């Protein structure tokens, strides 16, 4: 068994996993330079799902109580 049999080399037609270039090399270099410059870096607080859930529940409760109050003042309930 020779070396070429144990590790098959990809043929020239198997480059289908590499996507075609959408930008020229010059444009890609400008994009890379911009991304490395730090203009798009934003410090964000960590996402707190329980705080969001609490706010949603509080707003839902307030709206429900408001609708009950309006219904009672108009004689619906």
PDB file of N, CA and C in Angstrom:
ATOM      1  N   UNK A   1       0.850  -1.168   0.000  1.00  0.00           N
ATOM      2  CA  UNK A   1       0.000   0.000   0.000  1.00  0.00           C
ATOM      3  C   UNK A   1       0.894   1.228   0.000  1.00  0.00           C
ATOM      4  N   UNK A   2       0.739   2.071  -0.985  1.00  0.00           N
ATOM      5  CA  UNK A   2       1.582   3.254  -1.070  1.00  0.00           C
ATOM      6  C   UNK A   2       0.966   4.405  -0.290  1.00  0.00           C
ATOM      7  N   UNK A   3       1.707   5.472  -0.149  1.00  0.00           N
ATOM      8  CA  UNK A   3       1.264   6.637   0.607  1.00  0.00           C
ATOM      9  C   UNK A   3       0.047   7.286  -0.032  1.00  0.00           C
ATOM     10  N   UNK A   4      -0.023   7.290  -1.348  1.00  0.00           N
ATOM     11  CA  UNK A   4      -1.146   7.938  -2.025  1.00  0.00           C
ATOM     12  C   UNK A   4      -2.436   7.153  -1.853  1.00  0.00           C
ATOM     13  N   UNK A   5      -2.332   5.838  -1.596  1.00  0.00           N
ATOM     14  CA  UNK A   5      -3.531   5.045  -1.401  1.00  0.00           C
ATOM     15  C   UNK A   5      -4.121   5.223  -0.008  1.00  0.00           C
ATOM     16  N   UNK A   6      -3.274   5.484   0.999  1.00  0.00           N
ATOM     17  CA  UNK A   6      -3.776   5.603   2.361  1.00  0.00           C
ATOM     18  C   UNK A   6      -4.435   6.947   2.630  1.00  0.00           C
ATOM     19  N   UNK A   7      -4.012   7.992   1.957  1.00  0.00           N
ATOM     20  CA  UNK A   7      -4.634   9.305   2.138  1.00  0.00           C
ATOM     21  C   UNK A   7      -4.983   9.876   0.778  1.00  0.00           C
ATOM     22  N   UNK A   8      -6.216   9.670   0.363  1.00  0.00           N
ATOM     23  CA  UNK A   8      -6.617  10.154  -0.962  1.00  0.00           C
ATOM     24  C   UNK A   8      -6.608  11.668  -1.015  1.00  0.00           C
ATOM     25  N   UNK A   9      -6.094  12.191  -2.102  1.00  0.00           N
ATOM     26  CA  UNK A   9      -6.054  13.634  -2.300  1.00  0.00           C
ATOM     27  C   UNK A   9      -7.357  14.081  -2.926  1.00  0.00           C
ATOM     28  N   UNK A  10      -7.871  15.224  -2.525  1.00  0.00           N
ATOM     29  CA  UNK A  10      -9.127  15.712  -3.125  1.00  0.00           C
ATOM     30  C   UNK A  10      -8.902  16.089  -4.582  1.00  0.00           C
ATOM     31  N   UNK A  11      -9.864  15.746  -5.383  1.00  0.00           N
ATOM     32  CA  UNK A  11      -9.758  16.115  -6.787  1.00  0.00           C
ATOM     33  C   UNK A  11     -10.089  17.588  -6.950  1.00  0.00           C
ATOM     34  N   UNK A  12      -9.813  18.115  -8.127  1.00  0.00           N
ATOM     35  CA  UNK A  12     -10.031  19.541  -8.366  1.00  0.00           C
ATOM     36  C   UNK A  12     -11.512  19.898  -8.359  1.00  0.00           C
ATOM     37  N   UNK A  13     -12.391  18.940  -8.540  1.00  0.00           N
ATOM     38  CA  UNK A  13     -13.823  19.198  -8.557  1.00  0.00           C
ATOM     39  C   UNK A  13     -14.479  19.114  -7.200  1.00  0.00           C
ATOM     40  N   UNK A  14     -13.737  18.836  -6.131  1.00  0.00           N
ATOM     41  CA  UNK A  14     -14.337  18.682  -4.813  1.00  0.00           C
ATOM     42  C   UNK A  14     -14.255  19.954  -3.985  1.00  0.00           C
ATOM     43  N   UNK A  15     -14.127  21.089  -4.602  1.00  0.00           N
ATOM     44  CA  UNK A  15     -14.070  22.368  -3.882  1.00  0.00           C
ATOM     45  C   UNK A  15     -15.460  22.928  -3.623  1.00  0.00           C
ATOM     46  N   UNK A  16     -16.482  22.076  -3.627  1.00  0.00           N
ATOM     47  CA  UNK A  16     -17.847  22.546  -3.435  1.00  0.00           C
ATOM     48  C   UNK A  16     -18.098  22.995  -2.002  1.00  0.00           C
ATOM     49  N   UNK A  17     -17.227  22.609  -1.047  1.00  0.00           N
ATOM     50  CA  UNK A  17     -17.417  23.041   0.332  1.00  0.00           C
ATOM     51  C   UNK A  17     -16.947  24.471   0.545  1.00  0.00           C
ATOM     52  N   UNK A  18     -16.133  24.989  -0.335  1.00  0.00           N
ATOM     53  CA  UNK A  18     -15.647  26.364  -0.228  1.00  0.00           C
ATOM     54  C   UNK A  18     -16.613  27.271  -0.980  1.00  0.00           C
ATOM     55  N   UNK A  19     -17.230  28.231  -0.275  1.00  0.00           N
ATOM     56  CA  UNK A  19     -18.184  29.107  -0.974  1.00  0.00           C
ATOM     57  C   UNK A  19     -17.447  30.039  -1.939  1.00  0.00           C
ATOM     58  N   UNK A  20     -18.105  30.440  -3.002  1.00  0.00           N
ATOM     59  CA  UNK A  20     -17.463  31.361  -3.944  1.00  0.00           C
ATOM     60  C   UNK A  20     -17.262  32.730  -3.301  1.00  0.00           C
ATOM     61  N   UNK A  21     -16.243  33.425  -3.746  1.00  0.00           N
ATOM     62  CA  UNK A  21     -15.946  34.749  -3.201  1.00  0.00           C
ATOM     63  C   UNK A  21     -17.028  35.731  -3.621  1.00  0.00           C
ATOM     64  N   UNK A  22     -17.482  36.534  -2.666  1.00  0.00           N
ATOM     65  CA  UNK A  22     -18.464  37.570  -2.971  1.00  0.00           C
ATOM     66  C   UNK A  22     -17.804  38.933  -3.039  1.00  0.00           C
ATOM     67  N   UNK A  23     -16.631  39.056  -2.411  1.00  0.00           N
ATOM     68  CA  UNK A  23     -15.908  40.322  -2.405  1.00  0.00           C
ATOM     69  C   UNK A  23     -14.555  40.142  -3.066  1.00  0.00           C
ATOM     70  N   UNK A  24     -14.073  41.214  -3.634  1.00  0.00           N
ATOM     71  CA  UNK A  24     -12.717  41.168  -4.174  1.00  0.00           C
ATOM     72  C   UNK A  24     -11.737  41.153  -3.009  1.00  0.00           C
ATOM     73  N   UNK A  25     -10.495  40.813  -3.285  1.00  0.00           N
ATOM     74  CA  UNK A  25      -9.490  40.765  -2.212  1.00  0.00           C
ATOM     75  C   UNK A  25      -9.315  42.134  -1.565  1.00  0.00           C
ATOM     76  N   UNK A  26      -9.399  43.189  -2.369  1.00  0.00           N
ATOM     77  CA  UNK A  26      -9.246  44.550  -1.848  1.00  0.00           C
ATOM     78  C   UNK A  26     -10.401  44.904  -0.909  1.00  0.00           C
ATOM     79  N   UNK A  27     -11.619  44.570  -1.319  1.00  0.00           N
ATOM     80  CA  UNK A  27     -12.783  44.856  -0.479  1.00  0.00           C
ATOM     81  C   UNK A  27     -12.759  44.015   0.799  1.00  0.00           C
ATOM     82  N   UNK A  28     -12.359  42.753   0.677  1.00  0.00           N
ATOM     83  CA  UNK A  28     -12.286  41.895   1.855  1.00  0.00           C
ATOM     84  C   UNK A  28     -11.244  42.417   2.835  1.00  0.00           C
ATOM     85  N   UNK A  29     -10.137  42.959   2.326  1.00  0.00           N
ATOM     86  CA  UNK A  29      -9.112  43.529   3.206  1.00  0.00           C
ATOM     87  C   UNK A  29      -9.664  44.745   3.945  1.00  0.00           C
ATOM     88  N   UNK A  30     -10.473  45.559   3.267  1.00  0.00           N
ATOM     89  CA  UNK A  30     -11.080  46.713   3.935  1.00  0.00           C
ATOM     90  C   UNK A  30     -12.069  46.276   5.004  1.00  0.00           C
ATOM     91  N   UNK A  31     -12.845  45.250   4.725  1.00  0.00           N
ATOM     92  CA  UNK A  31     -13.797  44.736   5.713  1.00  0.00           C
ATOM     93  C   UNK A  31     -13.043  44.195   6.923  1.00  0.00           C
ATOM     94  N   UNK A  32     -11.998  43.424   6.687  1.00  0.00           N
ATOM     95  CA  UNK A  32     -11.207  42.872   7.792  1.00  0.00           C
ATOM     96  C   UNK A  32     -10.566  43.980   8.617  1.00  0.00           C
ATOM     97  N   UNK A  33     -10.070  45.017   7.949  1.00  0.00           N
ATOM     98  CA  UNK A  33      -9.449  46.138   8.661  1.00  0.00           C
ATOM     99  C   UNK A  33     -10.488  46.851   9.536  1.00  0.00           C
ATOM    100  N   UNK A  34     -11.699  47.030   9.025  1.00  0.00           N
ATOM    101  CA  UNK A  34     -12.752  47.675   9.801  1.00  0.00           C
ATOM    102  C   UNK A  34     -13.140  46.826  11.011  1.00  0.00           C
ATOM    103  N   UNK A  35     -13.286  45.523  10.805  1.00  0.00           N
ATOM    104  CA  UNK A  35     -13.685  44.651  11.909  1.00  0.00           C
ATOM    105  C   UNK A  35     -12.634  44.599  13.007  1.00  0.00           C
ATOM    106  N   UNK A  36     -11.376  44.744  12.644  1.00  0.00           N
ATOM    107  CA  UNK A  36     -10.302  44.725  13.641  1.00  0.00           C
ATOM    108  C   UNK A  36     -10.093  46.084  14.301  1.00  0.00           C
ATOM    109  N   UNK A  37     -10.685  47.146  13.747  1.00  0.00           N
ATOM    110  CA  UNK A  37     -10.450  48.488  14.271  1.00  0.00           C
ATOM    111  C   UNK A  37     -11.159  48.737  15.605  1.00  0.00           C
ATOM    112  N   UNK A  38     -12.210  48.008  15.900  1.00  0.00           N
ATOM    113  CA  UNK A  38     -12.898  48.174  17.165  1.00  0.00           C
ATOM    114  C   UNK A  38     -14.083  49.118  17.104  1.00  0.00           C
ATOM    115  N   UNK A  39     -14.420  49.648  15.942  1.00  0.00           N
ATOM    116  CA  UNK A  39     -15.574  50.549  15.837  1.00  0.00           C
ATOM    117  C   UNK A  39     -16.880  49.824  16.101  1.00  0.00           C
ATOM    118  N   UNK A  40     -16.917  48.542  15.836  1.00  0.00           N
ATOM    119  CA  UNK A  40     -18.159  47.796  16.000  1.00  0.00           C
ATOM    120  C   UNK A  40     -18.216  47.045  17.322  1.00  0.00           C
ATOM    121  N   UNK A  41     -17.244  47.236  18.211  1.00  0.00           N
ATOM    122  CA  UNK A  41     -17.264  46.583  19.512  1.00  0.00           C
ATOM    123  C   UNK A  41     -18.128  47.388  20.476  1.00  0.00           C
ATOM    124  N   UNK A  42     -19.112  46.723  21.067  1.00  0.00           N
ATOM    125  CA  UNK A  42     -20.013  47.372  22.010  1.00  0.00           C
ATOM    126  C   UNK A  42     -20.032  46.536  23.276  1.00  0.00           C
ATOM    127  N   UNK A  43     -19.745  47.191  24.392  1.00  0.00           N
ATOM    128  CA  UNK A  43     -19.834  46.497  25.673  1.00  0.00           C
ATOM    129  C   UNK A  43     -21.302  46.380  26.043  1.00  0.00           C
ATOM    130  N   UNK A  44     -21.756  45.176  26.265  1.00  0.00           N
ATOM    131  CA  UNK A  44     -23.156  44.956  26.607  1.00  0.00           C
ATOM    132  C   UNK A  44     -23.246  44.251  27.941  1.00  0.00           C
ATOM    133  N   UNK A  45     -24.320  44.566  28.647  1.00  0.00           N
ATOM    134  CA  UNK A  45     -24.588  43.864  29.887  1.00  0.00           C
ATOM    135  C   UNK A  45     -25.055  42.453  29.540  1.00  0.00           C
ATOM    136  N   UNK A  46     -24.840  41.494  30.426  1.00  0.00           N
ATOM    137  CA  UNK A  46     -25.313  40.136  30.143  1.00  0.00           C
ATOM    138  C   UNK A  46     -26.838  40.090  30.110  1.00  0.00           C
ATOM    139  N   UNK A  47     -27.353  39.225  29.262  1.00  0.00           N
ATOM    140  CA  UNK A  47     -28.799  39.068  29.126  1.00  0.00           C
ATOM    141  C   UNK A  47     -29.351  38.412  30.377  1.00  0.00           C
ATOM    142  N   UNK A  48     -30.421  39.001  30.918  1.00  0.00           N
ATOM    143  CA  UNK A  48     -31.047  38.487  32.140  1.00  0.00           C
ATOM    144  C   UNK A  48     -32.484  38.098  31.820  1.00  0.00           C
ATOM    145  N   UNK A  49     -32.709  36.826  31.499  1.00  0.00           N
ATOM    146  CA  UNK A  49     -34.049  36.403  31.074  1.00  0.00           C
ATOM    147  C   UNK A  49     -35.096  36.518  32.168  1.00  0.00           C
ATOM    148  N   UNK A  50     -34.718  36.326  33.436  1.00  0.00           N
ATOM    149  CA  UNK A  50     -35.716  36.412  34.507  1.00  0.00           C
ATOM    150  C   UNK A  50     -36.174  37.850  34.730  1.00  0.00           C
ATOM    151  N   UNK A  51     -35.297  38.810  34.504  1.00  0.00           N
ATOM    152  CA  UNK A  51     -35.707  40.209  34.591  1.00  0.00           C
ATOM    153  C   UNK A  51     -36.708  40.537  33.488  1.00  0.00           C
ATOM    154  N   UNK A  52     -36.436  40.055  32.295  1.00  0.00           N
ATOM    155  CA  UNK A  52     -37.364  40.259  31.181  1.00  0.00           C
ATOM    156  C   UNK A  52     -38.708  39.600  31.477  1.00  0.00           C
ATOM    157  N   UNK A  53     -38.673  38.399  32.004  1.00  0.00           N
ATOM    158  CA  UNK A  53     -39.916  37.707  32.351  1.00  0.00           C
ATOM    159  C   UNK A  53     -40.687  38.483  33.413  1.00  0.00           C
ATOM    160  N   UNK A  54     -39.989  39.018  34.415  1.00  0.00           N
ATOM    161  CA  UNK A  54     -40.635  39.808  35.452  1.00  0.00           C
ATOM    162  C   UNK A  54     -41.280  41.060  34.897  1.00  0.00           C
ATOM    163  N   UNK A  55     -40.598  41.740  33.986  1.00  0.00           N
ATOM    164  CA  UNK A  55     -41.156  42.956  33.384  1.00  0.00           C
ATOM    165  C   UNK A  55     -42.401  42.620  32.567  1.00  0.00           C
ATOM    166  N   UNK A  56     -42.324  41.542  31.803  1.00  0.00           N
ATOM    167  CA  UNK A  56     -43.483  41.138  30.991  1.00  0.00           C
ATOM    168  C   UNK A  56     -44.671  40.795  31.886  1.00  0.00           C
ATOM    169  N   UNK A  57     -44.424  40.048  32.958  1.00  0.00           N
ATOM    170  CA  UNK A  57     -45.515  39.700  33.874  1.00  0.00           C
ATOM    171  C   UNK A  57     -46.084  40.933  34.566  1.00  0.00           C
ATOM    172  N   UNK A  58     -45.239  41.882  34.951  1.00  0.00           N
ATOM    173  CA  UNK A  58     -45.719  43.103  35.599  1.00  0.00           C
ATOM    174  C   UNK A  58     -46.593  43.915  34.645  1.00  0.00           C
ATOM    175  N   UNK A  59     -46.161  44.064  33.403  1.00  0.00           N
ATOM    176  CA  UNK A  59     -46.953  44.820  32.428  1.00  0.00           C
ATOM    177  C   UNK A  59     -48.272  44.103  32.153  1.00  0.00           C
ATOM    178  N   UNK A  60     -48.229  42.793  32.009  1.00  0.00           N
ATOM    179  CA  UNK A  60     -49.448  42.028  31.766  1.00  0.00           C
ATOM    180  C   UNK A  60     -50.421  42.159  32.935  1.00  0.00           C
ATOM    181  N   UNK A  61     -49.908  42.108  34.154  1.00  0.00           N
ATOM    182  CA  UNK A  61     -50.754  42.257  35.344  1.00  0.00           C
ATOM    183  C   UNK A  61     -51.375  43.642  35.397  1.00  0.00           C
ATOM    184  N   UNK A  62     -50.580  44.667  35.155  1.00  0.00           N
ATOM    185  CA  UNK A  62     -51.109  46.039  35.170  1.00  0.00           C
ATOM    186  C   UNK A  62     -52.180  46.243  34.104  1.00  0.00           C
ATOM    187  N   UNK A  63     -51.959  45.727  32.917  1.00  0.00           N
ATOM    188  CA  UNK A  63     -52.965  45.869  31.858  1.00  0.00           C
ATOM    189  C   UNK A  63     -54.245  45.101  32.203  1.00  0.00           C
ATOM    190  N   UNK A  64     -54.076  43.937  32.812  1.00  0.00           N
ATOM    191  CA  UNK A  64     -55.262  43.163  33.217  1.00  0.00           C
ATOM    192  C   UNK A  64     -56.054  43.902  34.283  1.00  0.00           C
ATOM    193  N   UNK A  65     -55.351  44.438  35.269  1.00  0.00           N
ATOM    194  CA  UNK A  65     -56.044  45.193  36.323  1.00  0.00           C
ATOM    195  C   UNK A  65     -56.710  46.446  35.754  1.00  0.00           C
ATOM    196  N   UNK A  66     -56.063  47.108  34.827  1.00  0.00           N
ATOM    197  CA  UNK A  66     -56.649  48.288  34.188  1.00  0.00           C
ATOM    198  C   UNK A  66     -57.920  47.912  33.424  1.00  0.00           C
ATOM    199  N   UNK A  67     -57.868  46.791  32.710  1.00  0.00           N
ATOM    200  CA  UNK A  67     -59.061  46.379  31.969  1.00  0.00           C
ATOM    201  C   UNK A  67     -60.202  45.998  32.912  1.00  0.00           C
ATOM    202  N   UNK A  68     -59.896  45.363  34.033  1.00  0.00           N
ATOM    203  CA  UNK A  68     -60.936  45.050  35.016  1.00  0.00           C
ATOM    204  C   UNK A  68     -61.525  46.321  35.614  1.00  0.00           C
ATOM    205  N   UNK A  69     -60.689  47.300  35.910  1.00  0.00           N
ATOM    206  CA  UNK A  69     -61.165  48.576  36.450  1.00  0.00           C
ATOM    207  C   UNK A  69     -62.085  49.276  35.455  1.00  0.00           C
ATOM    208  N   UNK A  70     -61.691  49.313  34.197  1.00  0.00           N
ATOM    209  CA  UNK A  70     -62.523  49.954  33.172  1.00  0.00           C
ATOM    210  C   UNK A  70     -63.846  49.206  33.021  1.00  0.00           C
ATOM    211  N   UNK A  71     -63.786  47.875  33.046  1.00  0.00           N
ATOM    212  CA  UNK A  71     -65.023  47.088  32.903  1.00  0.00           C
ATOM    213  C   UNK A  71     -65.968  47.329  34.064  1.00  0.00           C
ATOM    214  N   UNK A  72     -65.452  47.436  35.279  1.00  0.00           N
ATOM    215  CA  UNK A  72     -66.313  47.679  36.463  1.00  0.00           C
ATOM    216  C   UNK A  72     -66.899  49.091  36.459  1.00  0.00           C
ATOM    217  N   UNK A  73     -66.117  50.072  36.023  1.00  0.00           N
ATOM    218  CA  UNK A  73     -66.645  51.439  35.994  1.00  0.00           C
ATOM    219  C   UNK A  73     -67.696  51.622  34.911  1.00  0.00           C
ATOM    220  N   UNK A  74     -67.661  50.809  33.879  1.00  0.00           N
ATOM    221  CA  UNK A  74     -68.652  50.920  32.802  1.00  0.00           C
ATOM    222  C   UNK A  74     -69.824  49.957  33.006  1.00  0.00           C
ATOM    223  N   UNK A  75     -69.815  49.194  34.079  1.00  0.00           N
ATOM    224  CA  UNK A  75     -70.930  48.315  34.403  1.00  0.00           C
ATOM    225  C   UNK A  75     -70.931  47.011  33.641  1.00  0.00           C
ATOM    226  N   UNK A  76     -69.823  46.600  33.099  1.00  0.00           N
ATOM    227  CA  UNK A  76     -69.803  45.346  32.332  1.00  0.00           C
ATOM    228  C   UNK A  76     -69.734  44.158  33.264  1.00  0.00           C
ATOM    229  N   UNK A  77     -68.971  44.245  34.341  1.00  0.00           N
ATOM    230  CA  UNK A  77     -68.792  43.116  35.242  1.00  0.00           C
ATOM    231  C   UNK A  77     -69.599  43.329  36.494  1.00  0.00           C
TER     232      UNK A  77
END
